[in-house]
Amino acid sequence: MLQCRARLSGLLLIGVLLGLAGCDPSSRAQTTDPAIAVQNAFASQPMNVPAANMDHSHIPVALPDGVPIPTLSISVSRDWMSGLNLKLHTENYEMTIPPAGLEMDALMQPSLDADTGIAEGHAHLYINGEKIQRIYGHHLHLPATLFKPGLNQINVSINNHGHMYWTANGRQILATLYVNLDAEKLVTHRFETYPALSSNDGGMCTRDDVDKA
């Protein structure tokens, strides 16, 4: 059974900030909300950079009132040839490429599906604190070359069309896994702020776990 409580692992800054809390309510008493910690870490980003050249993935965009909260869980399995296969599980979120021709002002706003009214956008993948790529679908192969021996962190955020990370109730919507490709048990810990999945075997944090924390 997977352990839902994430521990300080000595990885890069984002790993430290996101891995501090998990499903065990006792872990919250010893640290701050990891999503808020990430926001604070990037709050000092210089603001005199032209908007078109800024890395908007460090800027939050709040879900508008009345819009269903997107949920996000991630899972991995070993690829039969090499590396891992990553799957994104989402609800109330439309994964799509950005529309062509959007002006910067439009990119900086919450992006909503015109038909359903739910949030839309894409995802960003980080491994061991380094941004790897955008994700526009629910399945992605992760080559073995992306990982180091021992413990590794996989982090996924969901982002609007301007690459700003989505927040709900002041918390970033994200999912984190700690994996060890050298161990028999691949996933060692996980943390998810708004999980899309629960598991009968305790392998995935449930929404109740997060609410208790």
C-alpha atoms as a PDB file:
ATOM      1  CA  MET A   1       0.000   0.000   0.000  1.00  0.00           C
ATOM      2  CA  LEU A   2       1.425   3.351  -1.056  1.00  0.00           C
ATOM      3  CA  GLN A   3       2.145   5.956   1.591  1.00  0.00           C
ATOM      4  CA  CYS A   4       0.284   9.223   0.966  1.00  0.00           C
ATOM      5  CA  ARG A   5       2.422  11.323   3.265  1.00  0.00           C
ATOM      6  CA  ALA A   6       5.275  12.980   1.411  1.00  0.00           C
ATOM      7  CA  ARG A   7       8.551  13.620   3.245  1.00  0.00           C
ATOM      8  CA  LEU A   8      11.385  16.041   2.830  1.00  0.00           C
ATOM      9  CA  SER A   9      13.568  14.262   0.291  1.00  0.00           C
ATOM     10  CA  GLY A  10      16.518  16.523  -0.364  1.00  0.00           C
ATOM     11  CA  LEU A  11      15.454  17.129  -3.953  1.00  0.00           C
ATOM     12  CA  LEU A  12      15.401  20.562  -5.549  1.00  0.00           C
ATOM     13  CA  LEU A  13      13.409  23.503  -4.174  1.00  0.00           C
ATOM     14  CA  ILE A  14      10.082  22.568  -5.712  1.00  0.00           C
ATOM     15  CA  GLY A  15      10.497  19.032  -4.419  1.00  0.00           C
ATOM     16  CA  VAL A  16      11.047  20.343  -0.899  1.00  0.00           C
ATOM     17  CA  LEU A  17       8.061  22.666  -1.091  1.00  0.00           C
ATOM     18  CA  LEU A  18       5.613  20.212  -2.623  1.00  0.00           C
ATOM     19  CA  GLY A  19       6.724  17.068  -0.819  1.00  0.00           C
ATOM     20  CA  LEU A  20       6.264  18.405   2.691  1.00  0.00           C
ATOM     21  CA  ALA A  21       2.592  17.586   3.062  1.00  0.00           C
ATOM     22  CA  GLY A  22       0.435  14.698   2.053  1.00  0.00           C
ATOM     23  CA  CYS A  23      -2.651  12.823   3.173  1.00  0.00           C
ATOM     24  CA  ASP A  24      -1.585  12.378   6.783  1.00  0.00           C
ATOM     25  CA  PRO A  25      -3.191  15.249   8.766  1.00  0.00           C
ATOM     26  CA  SER A  26      -0.298  15.180  11.246  1.00  0.00           C
ATOM     27  CA  SER A  27       2.137  16.310   8.553  1.00  0.00           C
ATOM     28  CA  ARG A  28       0.224  19.582   8.067  1.00  0.00           C
ATOM     29  CA  ALA A  29       0.842  20.659  11.649  1.00  0.00           C
ATOM     30  CA  GLN A  30       4.575  20.774  10.988  1.00  0.00           C
ATOM     31  CA  THR A  31       4.667  22.796   7.784  1.00  0.00           C
ATOM     32  CA  THR A  32       2.858  25.337   5.645  1.00  0.00           C
ATOM     33  CA  ASP A  33       0.524  24.543   2.761  1.00  0.00           C
ATOM     34  CA  PRO A  34       2.875  23.382  -0.053  1.00  0.00           C
ATOM     35  CA  ALA A  35       0.899  25.109  -2.785  1.00  0.00           C
ATOM     36  CA  ILE A  36       1.056  28.423  -0.926  1.00  0.00           C
ATOM     37  CA  ALA A  37       4.751  27.866  -0.315  1.00  0.00           C
ATOM     38  CA  VAL A  38       5.332  27.517  -4.047  1.00  0.00           C
ATOM     39  CA  GLN A  39       3.432  30.734  -4.699  1.00  0.00           C
ATOM     40  CA  ASN A  40       5.511  32.567  -2.093  1.00  0.00           C
ATOM     41  CA  ALA A  41       8.735  31.177  -3.524  1.00  0.00           C
ATOM     42  CA  PHE A  42       8.041  32.783  -6.870  1.00  0.00           C
ATOM     43  CA  ALA A  43       6.459  35.975  -5.552  1.00  0.00           C
ATOM     44  CA  SER A  44       9.768  37.823  -5.879  1.00  0.00           C
ATOM     45  CA  GLN A  45      10.008  37.245  -9.639  1.00  0.00           C
ATOM     46  CA  PRO A  46      11.032  40.578 -11.252  1.00  0.00           C
ATOM     47  CA  MET A  47       8.018  42.334 -12.689  1.00  0.00           C
ATOM     48  CA  ASN A  48       9.877  44.738 -15.009  1.00  0.00           C
ATOM     49  CA  VAL A  49      10.260  42.030 -17.649  1.00  0.00           C
ATOM     50  CA  PRO A  50       8.017  42.454 -20.728  1.00  0.00           C
ATOM     51  CA  ALA A  51       4.905  40.295 -20.341  1.00  0.00           C
ATOM     52  CA  ALA A  52       5.562  38.420 -23.570  1.00  0.00           C
ATOM     53  CA  ASN A  53       8.979  37.315 -22.252  1.00  0.00           C
ATOM     54  CA  MET A  54       7.948  36.323 -18.732  1.00  0.00           C
ATOM     55  CA  ASP A  55       7.675  32.752 -17.566  1.00  0.00           C
ATOM     56  CA  HIS A  56       3.982  32.765 -16.757  1.00  0.00           C
ATOM     57  CA  SER A  57       4.150  29.276 -15.252  1.00  0.00           C
ATOM     58  CA  HIS A  58       5.211  31.019 -12.005  1.00  0.00           C
ATOM     59  CA  ILE A  59       2.066  33.186 -11.946  1.00  0.00           C
ATOM     60  CA  PRO A  60      -1.273  31.983 -10.504  1.00  0.00           C
ATOM     61  CA  VAL A  61      -4.650  32.328 -12.166  1.00  0.00           C
ATOM     62  CA  ALA A  62      -7.658  31.848  -9.885  1.00  0.00           C
ATOM     63  CA  LEU A  63     -10.595  29.726 -10.896  1.00  0.00           C
ATOM     64  CA  PRO A  64     -13.630  32.036 -11.265  1.00  0.00           C
ATOM     65  CA  ASP A  65     -16.493  31.703  -8.798  1.00  0.00           C
ATOM     66  CA  GLY A  66     -19.074  29.139  -9.831  1.00  0.00           C
ATOM     67  CA  VAL A  67     -16.725  27.186 -12.109  1.00  0.00           C
ATOM     68  CA  PRO A  68     -16.321  23.511 -11.082  1.00  0.00           C
ATOM     69  CA  ILE A  69     -12.927  22.872  -9.520  1.00  0.00           C
ATOM     70  CA  PRO A  70     -10.662  20.851 -11.825  1.00  0.00           C
ATOM     71  CA  THR A  71      -9.225  17.738 -10.244  1.00  0.00           C
ATOM     72  CA  LEU A  72      -5.899  16.151 -11.108  1.00  0.00           C
ATOM     73  CA  SER A  73      -4.225  12.850 -10.284  1.00  0.00           C
ATOM     74  CA  ILE A  74      -1.247  11.254 -11.995  1.00  0.00           C
ATOM     75  CA  SER A  75      -0.138   7.659 -12.237  1.00  0.00           C
ATOM     76  CA  VAL A  76       2.862   5.919 -13.770  1.00  0.00           C
ATOM     77  CA  SER A  77       3.702   2.450 -15.010  1.00  0.00           C
ATOM     78  CA  ARG A  78       6.922   0.940 -16.285  1.00  0.00           C
ATOM     79  CA  ASP A  79       7.280   0.975 -20.056  1.00  0.00           C
ATOM     80  CA  TRP A  80       8.100  -2.442 -21.499  1.00  0.00           C
ATOM     81  CA  MET A  81      11.082  -0.973 -23.359  1.00  0.00           C
ATOM     82  CA  SER A  82      12.427   1.898 -21.253  1.00  0.00           C
ATOM     83  CA  GLY A  83      11.366   4.582 -18.822  1.00  0.00           C
ATOM     84  CA  LEU A  84       7.849   5.201 -17.580  1.00  0.00           C
ATOM     85  CA  ASN A  85       4.419   5.880 -18.989  1.00  0.00           C
ATOM     86  CA  LEU A  86       2.635   8.794 -17.338  1.00  0.00           C
ATOM     87  CA  LYS A  87      -1.141   9.175 -17.239  1.00  0.00           C
ATOM     88  CA  LEU A  88      -3.044  12.296 -16.221  1.00  0.00           C
ATOM     89  CA  HIS A  89      -6.454  11.754 -14.656  1.00  0.00           C
ATOM     90  CA  THR A  90      -8.639  14.868 -14.715  1.00  0.00           C
ATOM     91  CA  GLU A  91     -12.207  15.914 -14.074  1.00  0.00           C
ATOM     92  CA  ASN A  92     -13.817  19.286 -14.811  1.00  0.00           C
ATOM     93  CA  TYR A  93     -10.883  20.180 -17.044  1.00  0.00           C
ATOM     94  CA  GLU A  94     -10.511  20.280 -20.813  1.00  0.00           C
ATOM     95  CA  MET A  95      -7.001  19.482 -22.051  1.00  0.00           C
ATOM     96  CA  THR A  96      -6.456  21.365 -25.293  1.00  0.00           C
ATOM     97  CA  ILE A  97      -3.952  23.391 -27.268  1.00  0.00           C
ATOM     98  CA  PRO A  98      -4.181  27.203 -27.030  1.00  0.00           C
ATOM     99  CA  PRO A  99      -6.367  28.870 -29.654  1.00  0.00           C
ATOM    100  CA  ALA A 100      -4.377  30.654 -32.344  1.00  0.00           C
ATOM    101  CA  GLY A 101      -4.128  34.417 -32.385  1.00  0.00           C
ATOM    102  CA  LEU A 102      -4.868  35.183 -28.741  1.00  0.00           C
ATOM    103  CA  GLU A 103      -3.587  38.540 -27.501  1.00  0.00           C
ATOM    104  CA  MET A 104      -1.532  38.695 -24.313  1.00  0.00           C
ATOM    105  CA  ASP A 105      -4.439  40.136 -22.298  1.00  0.00           C
ATOM    106  CA  ALA A 106      -6.568  37.125 -23.229  1.00  0.00           C
ATOM    107  CA  LEU A 107      -3.775  34.698 -22.372  1.00  0.00           C
ATOM    108  CA  MET A 108      -3.551  36.146 -18.869  1.00  0.00           C
ATOM    109  CA  GLN A 109      -7.247  35.481 -18.122  1.00  0.00           C
ATOM    110  CA  PRO A 110      -8.948  32.284 -16.899  1.00  0.00           C
ATOM    111  CA  SER A 111      -9.541  30.107 -19.959  1.00  0.00           C
ATOM    112  CA  LEU A 112     -12.959  28.431 -19.991  1.00  0.00           C
ATOM    113  CA  ASP A 113     -14.568  26.070 -22.491  1.00  0.00           C
ATOM    114  CA  ALA A 114     -17.231  28.008 -24.389  1.00  0.00           C
ATOM    115  CA  ASP A 115     -19.648  25.066 -24.457  1.00  0.00           C
ATOM    116  CA  THR A 116     -19.284  23.497 -21.013  1.00  0.00           C
ATOM    117  CA  GLY A 117     -18.034  26.422 -18.957  1.00  0.00           C
ATOM    118  CA  ILE A 118     -15.313  24.311 -17.327  1.00  0.00           C
ATOM    119  CA  ALA A 119     -11.676  25.361 -17.147  1.00  0.00           C
ATOM    120  CA  GLU A 120      -9.456  24.496 -20.075  1.00  0.00           C
ATOM    121  CA  GLY A 121      -5.764  24.584 -20.832  1.00  0.00           C
ATOM    122  CA  HIS A 122      -2.841  22.189 -20.660  1.00  0.00           C
ATOM    123  CA  ALA A 123      -0.363  20.843 -18.125  1.00  0.00           C
ATOM    124  CA  HIS A 124       3.304  21.357 -17.305  1.00  0.00           C
ATOM    125  CA  LEU A 125       5.651  18.483 -16.444  1.00  0.00           C
ATOM    126  CA  TYR A 126       8.550  18.843 -14.008  1.00  0.00           C
ATOM    127  CA  ILE A 127      11.032  16.142 -13.071  1.00  0.00           C
ATOM    128  CA  ASN A 128      13.285  16.722 -10.076  1.00  0.00           C
ATOM    129  CA  GLY A 129      12.368  20.401 -10.107  1.00  0.00           C
ATOM    130  CA  GLU A 130      13.233  20.983 -13.768  1.00  0.00           C
ATOM    131  CA  LYS A 131      10.532  21.896 -16.249  1.00  0.00           C
ATOM    132  CA  ILE A 132      10.517  19.278 -19.010  1.00  0.00           C
ATOM    133  CA  GLN A 133       7.626  20.164 -21.319  1.00  0.00           C
ATOM    134  CA  ARG A 134       3.981  21.056 -21.799  1.00  0.00           C
ATOM    135  CA  ILE A 135       1.365  18.303 -21.908  1.00  0.00           C
ATOM    136  CA  TYR A 136      -1.711  18.596 -24.132  1.00  0.00           C
ATOM    137  CA  GLY A 137      -3.091  15.081 -23.651  1.00  0.00           C
ATOM    138  CA  HIS A 138      -3.554  12.479 -20.941  1.00  0.00           C
ATOM    139  CA  HIS A 139      -0.749  10.058 -21.833  1.00  0.00           C
ATOM    140  CA  LEU A 140       2.989  10.679 -22.108  1.00  0.00           C
ATOM    141  CA  HIS A 141       6.100   8.507 -22.301  1.00  0.00           C
ATOM    142  CA  LEU A 142       8.946   9.517 -19.991  1.00  0.00           C
ATOM    143  CA  PRO A 143      12.342   8.283 -21.262  1.00  0.00           C
ATOM    144  CA  ALA A 144      14.670   6.689 -18.721  1.00  0.00           C
ATOM    145  CA  THR A 145      17.230   9.421 -19.447  1.00  0.00           C
ATOM    146  CA  LEU A 146      15.044  11.900 -17.539  1.00  0.00           C
ATOM    147  CA  PHE A 147      15.646  10.072 -14.264  1.00  0.00           C
ATOM    148  CA  LYS A 148      18.612   9.692 -11.946  1.00  0.00           C
ATOM    149  CA  PRO A 149      19.393   6.629  -9.817  1.00  0.00           C
ATOM    150  CA  GLY A 150      17.276   6.359  -6.678  1.00  0.00           C
ATOM    151  CA  LEU A 151      14.425   8.668  -5.744  1.00  0.00           C
ATOM    152  CA  ASN A 152      12.943  11.029  -8.350  1.00  0.00           C
ATOM    153  CA  GLN A 153      10.091  13.527  -8.218  1.00  0.00           C
ATOM    154  CA  ILE A 154       7.462  13.891 -10.943  1.00  0.00           C
ATOM    155  CA  ASN A 155       5.318  16.986 -10.655  1.00  0.00           C
ATOM    156  CA  VAL A 156       2.422  18.054 -12.892  1.00  0.00           C
ATOM    157  CA  SER A 157       0.520  21.336 -12.749  1.00  0.00           C
ATOM    158  CA  ILE A 158      -2.417  22.406 -14.866  1.00  0.00           C
ATOM    159  CA  ASN A 159      -2.133  25.764 -16.597  1.00  0.00           C
ATOM    160  CA  ASN A 160      -4.269  28.159 -18.588  1.00  0.00           C
ATOM    161  CA  HIS A 161      -3.527  29.110 -22.191  1.00  0.00           C
ATOM    162  CA  GLY A 162      -1.044  31.723 -20.975  1.00  0.00           C
ATOM    163  CA  HIS A 163       0.848  29.066 -18.938  1.00  0.00           C
ATOM    164  CA  MET A 164      -0.315  30.500 -15.593  1.00  0.00           C
ATOM    165  CA  TYR A 165      -0.954  27.795 -13.009  1.00  0.00           C
ATOM    166  CA  TRP A 166      -4.538  27.226 -11.900  1.00  0.00           C
ATOM    167  CA  THR A 167      -5.540  27.768  -8.278  1.00  0.00           C
ATOM    168  CA  ALA A 168      -8.771  27.004  -6.419  1.00  0.00           C
ATOM    169  CA  ASN A 169      -9.545  28.382  -2.967  1.00  0.00           C
ATOM    170  CA  GLY A 170      -6.027  29.810  -2.855  1.00  0.00           C
ATOM    171  CA  ARG A 171      -4.303  26.465  -3.523  1.00  0.00           C
ATOM    172  CA  GLN A 172      -2.437  25.440  -6.637  1.00  0.00           C
ATOM    173  CA  ILE A 173      -3.923  22.464  -8.485  1.00  0.00           C
ATOM    174  CA  LEU A 174      -1.083  19.986  -8.825  1.00  0.00           C
ATOM    175  CA  ALA A 175      -0.053  16.369  -8.428  1.00  0.00           C
ATOM    176  CA  THR A 176       3.291  14.969  -7.321  1.00  0.00           C
ATOM    177  CA  LEU A 177       4.756  11.474  -7.313  1.00  0.00           C
ATOM    178  CA  TYR A 178       8.035  10.237  -5.858  1.00  0.00           C
ATOM    179  CA  VAL A 179       9.314   7.251  -7.812  1.00  0.00           C
ATOM    180  CA  ASN A 180      12.289   4.934  -7.605  1.00  0.00           C
ATOM    181  CA  LEU A 181      12.925   3.090 -10.867  1.00  0.00           C
ATOM    182  CA  ASP A 182      15.482   0.875  -9.132  1.00  0.00           C
ATOM    183  CA  ALA A 183      13.074  -0.418  -6.502  1.00  0.00           C
ATOM    184  CA  GLU A 184      10.420  -3.096  -6.787  1.00  0.00           C
ATOM    185  CA  LYS A 185       7.794  -0.640  -5.533  1.00  0.00           C
ATOM    186  CA  LEU A 186       7.883   2.090  -8.145  1.00  0.00           C
ATOM    187  CA  VAL A 187       5.869   4.837  -6.401  1.00  0.00           C
ATOM    188  CA  THR A 188       6.975   5.630  -2.858  1.00  0.00           C
ATOM    189  CA  HIS A 189       4.941   8.753  -2.034  1.00  0.00           C
ATOM    190  CA  ARG A 190       2.346  11.001  -3.601  1.00  0.00           C
ATOM    191  CA  PHE A 191       0.729  14.361  -2.957  1.00  0.00           C
ATOM    192  CA  GLU A 192      -2.305  15.832  -4.755  1.00  0.00           C
ATOM    193  CA  THR A 193      -4.160  19.019  -3.836  1.00  0.00           C
ATOM    194  CA  TYR A 194      -7.414  18.177  -5.669  1.00  0.00           C
ATOM    195  CA  PRO A 195      -7.267  14.454  -6.532  1.00  0.00           C
ATOM    196  CA  ALA A 196      -9.289  13.094  -9.416  1.00  0.00           C
ATOM    197  CA  LEU A 197      -8.965   9.488  -8.237  1.00  0.00           C
ATOM    198  CA  SER A 198      -9.313   7.547  -5.036  1.00  0.00           C
ATOM    199  CA  SER A 199      -8.163   4.005  -4.467  1.00  0.00           C
ATOM    200  CA  ASN A 200      -9.619   1.138  -2.470  1.00  0.00           C
ATOM    201  CA  ASP A 201      -6.137  -0.158  -1.689  1.00  0.00           C
ATOM    202  CA  GLY A 202      -4.966   3.145  -0.213  1.00  0.00           C
ATOM    203  CA  GLY A 203      -2.613   3.760  -3.102  1.00  0.00           C
ATOM    204  CA  MET A 204      -3.925   7.198  -3.940  1.00  0.00           C
ATOM    205  CA  CYS A 205      -4.892  10.147  -1.770  1.00  0.00           C
ATOM    206  CA  THR A 206      -8.621  10.758  -1.627  1.00  0.00           C
ATOM    207  CA  ARG A 207     -10.376  14.120  -1.435  1.00  0.00           C
ATOM    208  CA  ASP A 208     -11.384  13.269   2.151  1.00  0.00           C
ATOM    209  CA  ASP A 209      -7.711  12.840   3.034  1.00  0.00           C
ATOM    210  CA  VAL A 210      -6.883  16.282   1.681  1.00  0.00           C
ATOM    211  CA  ASP A 211      -9.857  17.933   3.390  1.00  0.00           C
ATOM    212  CA  LYS A 212      -8.883  16.405   6.753  1.00  0.00           C
ATOM    213  CA  ALA A 213      -5.371  17.749   6.369  1.00  0.00           C
END
